[in-house]
Amino acid sequence: MTTIADQIIPAARAPRGFREMRAWPLLTIDDLALVRQDLGTTLPGVPGASLEDVPESVVLVASELATNALLHGGGPVTVRLFERAGEYLLDVVDRAPDSAPQIAAARPVGGGGFGLRLASRLADAIGWYPTPNGKHVWARFTVRSRTPSRAPSLTA
């Protein structure tokens, strides 16, 4: 059985073929309010969506990854949103290429360390890669709807 302590964020480049929709520069935690608001208006609603679906999960994961970048990766931080047919990609860039993102082992309540756990659970894929000037942490989401599709009638 795999425990949270056994999980790591894989070192991998982000998938290709996405088109950039928006980008937000962040200097402080206070800047996250604008990112959350803009994401909420940029992402289309998904009928029947829950917190585990788009767009709510994208907003939550963007906030968690950006908070980690600001607290542990140095500023400024850039959050970028990309899209391609049926998918979104978040890319959060900080200034700490030598600092791999780590899922924290069990911590006491209120001790933090749940952002990457949450991102791993809500995203379809997550990864990171260093560049000479920074580190990219990305998360990919597939758009799903819980609204049943209308199947054609099979009656003759």
Protein backbone atom coordinates (compact mmCIF):
# COMPACT_ATOMS: atom_id res chain seq x y z
CA MET A 1 0.00 0.00 0.00
CA THR A 2 1.34 3.44 -0.96
CA THR A 3 1.18 6.12 1.68
CA ILE A 4 1.36 9.88 1.22
CA ALA A 5 4.96 9.79 2.46
CA ASP A 6 5.80 7.44 -0.44
CA GLN A 7 4.38 9.76 -3.11
CA ILE A 8 6.61 12.06 -5.07
CA ILE A 9 5.88 14.60 -7.74
CA PRO A 10 7.41 13.18 -10.94
CA ALA A 11 10.07 15.18 -12.75
CA ALA A 12 8.54 15.58 -16.21
CA ARG A 13 8.04 18.30 -18.77
CA ALA A 14 4.49 19.57 -19.20
CA PRO A 15 2.47 18.05 -22.06
CA ARG A 16 2.69 19.91 -25.36
CA GLY A 17 0.01 21.22 -27.69
CA PHE A 18 -1.68 23.64 -25.28
CA ARG A 19 -2.50 27.28 -26.08
CA GLU A 20 -1.88 29.94 -23.43
CA MET A 21 -5.08 31.63 -22.23
CA ARG A 22 -3.86 33.85 -19.36
CA ALA A 23 -0.83 34.61 -17.21
CA TRP A 24 -0.58 36.29 -13.81
CA PRO A 25 2.61 37.63 -12.16
CA LEU A 26 2.57 37.28 -8.36
CA LEU A 27 4.74 39.08 -5.85
CA THR A 28 2.85 38.29 -2.64
CA ILE A 29 0.16 35.99 -1.27
CA ASP A 30 -2.26 38.94 -1.54
CA ASP A 31 -1.98 38.72 -5.35
CA LEU A 32 -3.68 35.31 -5.27
CA ALA A 33 -7.12 36.88 -4.83
CA LEU A 34 -6.91 38.31 -8.35
CA VAL A 35 -5.78 34.96 -9.79
CA ARG A 36 -8.71 33.15 -8.14
CA GLN A 37 -11.18 35.77 -9.35
CA ASP A 38 -9.81 35.81 -12.91
CA LEU A 39 -9.76 32.01 -13.12
CA GLY A 40 -13.35 31.91 -11.92
CA THR A 41 -14.42 34.18 -14.77
CA THR A 42 -12.03 32.78 -17.42
CA LEU A 43 -12.95 29.12 -17.08
CA PRO A 44 -16.32 28.07 -18.47
CA GLY A 45 -18.69 26.40 -16.07
CA VAL A 46 -19.18 22.66 -16.33
CA PRO A 47 -22.77 21.47 -15.87
CA GLY A 48 -23.09 19.24 -12.83
CA ALA A 49 -19.50 19.95 -11.74
CA SER A 50 -18.26 19.26 -8.23
CA LEU A 51 -15.08 20.38 -6.45
CA GLU A 52 -13.24 17.50 -8.15
CA ASP A 53 -14.18 18.82 -11.58
CA VAL A 54 -13.19 21.82 -13.67
CA PRO A 55 -13.24 24.77 -13.06
CA GLU A 56 -13.34 24.63 -9.25
CA SER A 57 -10.43 22.22 -9.03
CA VAL A 58 -8.31 24.38 -11.34
CA VAL A 59 -8.87 27.44 -9.12
CA LEU A 60 -8.04 25.48 -5.97
CA VAL A 61 -4.91 23.83 -7.38
CA ALA A 62 -3.68 27.13 -8.87
CA SER A 63 -4.01 28.72 -5.44
CA GLU A 64 -2.19 25.86 -3.71
CA LEU A 65 0.68 25.66 -6.22
CA ALA A 66 1.13 29.44 -6.28
CA THR A 67 1.14 29.61 -2.49
CA ASN A 68 3.85 26.92 -2.37
CA ALA A 69 5.88 28.78 -5.00
CA LEU A 70 5.65 32.07 -3.09
CA LEU A 71 6.50 30.48 0.26
CA HIS A 72 9.23 28.07 -0.84
CA GLY A 73 10.43 29.08 -4.31
CA GLY A 74 11.10 32.76 -4.08
CA GLY A 75 9.45 35.46 -6.09
CA PRO A 76 8.30 36.66 -8.34
CA VAL A 77 6.02 33.78 -9.33
CA THR A 78 4.10 33.39 -12.57
CA VAL A 79 0.87 31.40 -12.92
CA ARG A 80 -0.13 30.50 -16.47
CA LEU A 81 -3.29 28.81 -17.75
CA PHE A 82 -3.29 26.85 -21.01
CA GLU A 83 -6.02 24.99 -22.88
CA ARG A 84 -6.55 22.46 -25.62
CA ALA A 85 -9.64 20.51 -26.60
CA GLY A 86 -11.18 19.26 -23.37
CA GLU A 87 -8.17 19.99 -21.15
CA TYR A 88 -6.56 22.71 -19.07
CA LEU A 89 -2.95 22.99 -17.96
CA LEU A 90 -1.73 25.11 -15.05
CA ASP A 91 1.94 26.05 -14.99
CA VAL A 92 3.38 27.78 -11.91
CA VAL A 93 6.93 29.10 -12.20
CA ASP A 94 9.10 30.12 -9.24
CA ARG A 95 12.78 31.08 -8.94
CA ALA A 96 14.13 27.94 -7.22
CA PRO A 97 15.28 25.46 -9.89
CA ASP A 98 17.23 23.38 -7.35
CA SER A 99 14.26 22.86 -5.03
CA ALA A 100 12.13 19.86 -6.03
CA PRO A 101 8.50 19.97 -4.87
CA GLN A 102 7.87 17.44 -2.12
CA ILE A 103 4.67 16.10 -0.64
CA ALA A 104 5.09 16.65 3.08
CA ALA A 105 4.89 13.65 5.37
CA ALA A 106 2.12 13.60 7.95
CA ARG A 107 1.90 16.88 9.86
CA PRO A 108 -0.27 17.96 12.75
CA VAL A 109 -3.59 19.62 11.96
CA GLY A 110 -2.92 23.22 11.00
CA GLY A 111 0.70 22.43 10.13
CA GLY A 112 0.20 22.86 6.38
CA GLY A 113 1.67 20.60 3.75
CA PHE A 114 -1.56 19.59 2.01
CA GLY A 115 -1.29 21.65 -1.19
CA LEU A 116 0.61 19.11 -3.28
CA ARG A 117 -1.50 16.26 -1.89
CA LEU A 118 -4.61 18.09 -2.98
CA ALA A 119 -3.14 18.94 -6.40
CA SER A 120 -2.16 15.29 -6.92
CA ARG A 121 -5.68 14.18 -6.07
CA LEU A 122 -7.59 16.75 -8.15
CA ALA A 123 -5.42 16.89 -11.28
CA ASP A 124 -5.27 14.18 -13.92
CA ALA A 125 -1.49 14.56 -14.03
CA ILE A 126 1.08 16.63 -12.17
CA GLY A 127 4.80 17.13 -12.62
CA TRP A 128 7.67 19.56 -12.43
CA TYR A 129 10.88 20.44 -14.22
CA PRO A 130 13.75 22.86 -13.62
CA THR A 131 15.05 25.48 -16.03
CA PRO A 132 18.21 27.57 -15.59
CA ASN A 133 16.23 30.38 -13.95
CA GLY A 134 13.39 28.63 -12.19
CA LYS A 135 11.16 25.66 -11.60
CA HIS A 136 7.85 24.83 -13.31
CA VAL A 137 5.21 22.87 -11.40
CA TRP A 138 2.30 21.91 -13.65
CA ALA A 139 -1.07 20.21 -13.34
CA ARG A 140 -3.28 18.92 -16.18
CA PHE A 141 -7.08 18.68 -15.93
CA THR A 142 -9.58 16.96 -18.20
CA VAL A 143 -12.97 18.63 -18.49
CA ARG A 144 -15.67 16.23 -17.33
CA SER A 145 -19.38 16.65 -16.85
CA ARG A 146 -21.62 14.66 -14.57
CA THR A 147 -24.60 15.58 -16.68
CA PRO A 148 -25.66 12.45 -18.58
CA SER A 149 -25.48 12.75 -22.34
CA ARG A 150 -28.63 12.16 -24.35
CA ALA A 151 -28.28 8.79 -25.99
CA PRO A 152 -30.31 8.14 -29.12
CA SER A 153 -33.45 6.11 -28.64
CA LEU A 154 -33.11 2.45 -29.52
CA THR A 155 -36.82 1.97 -30.13
CA ALA A 156 -37.92 1.17 -33.66
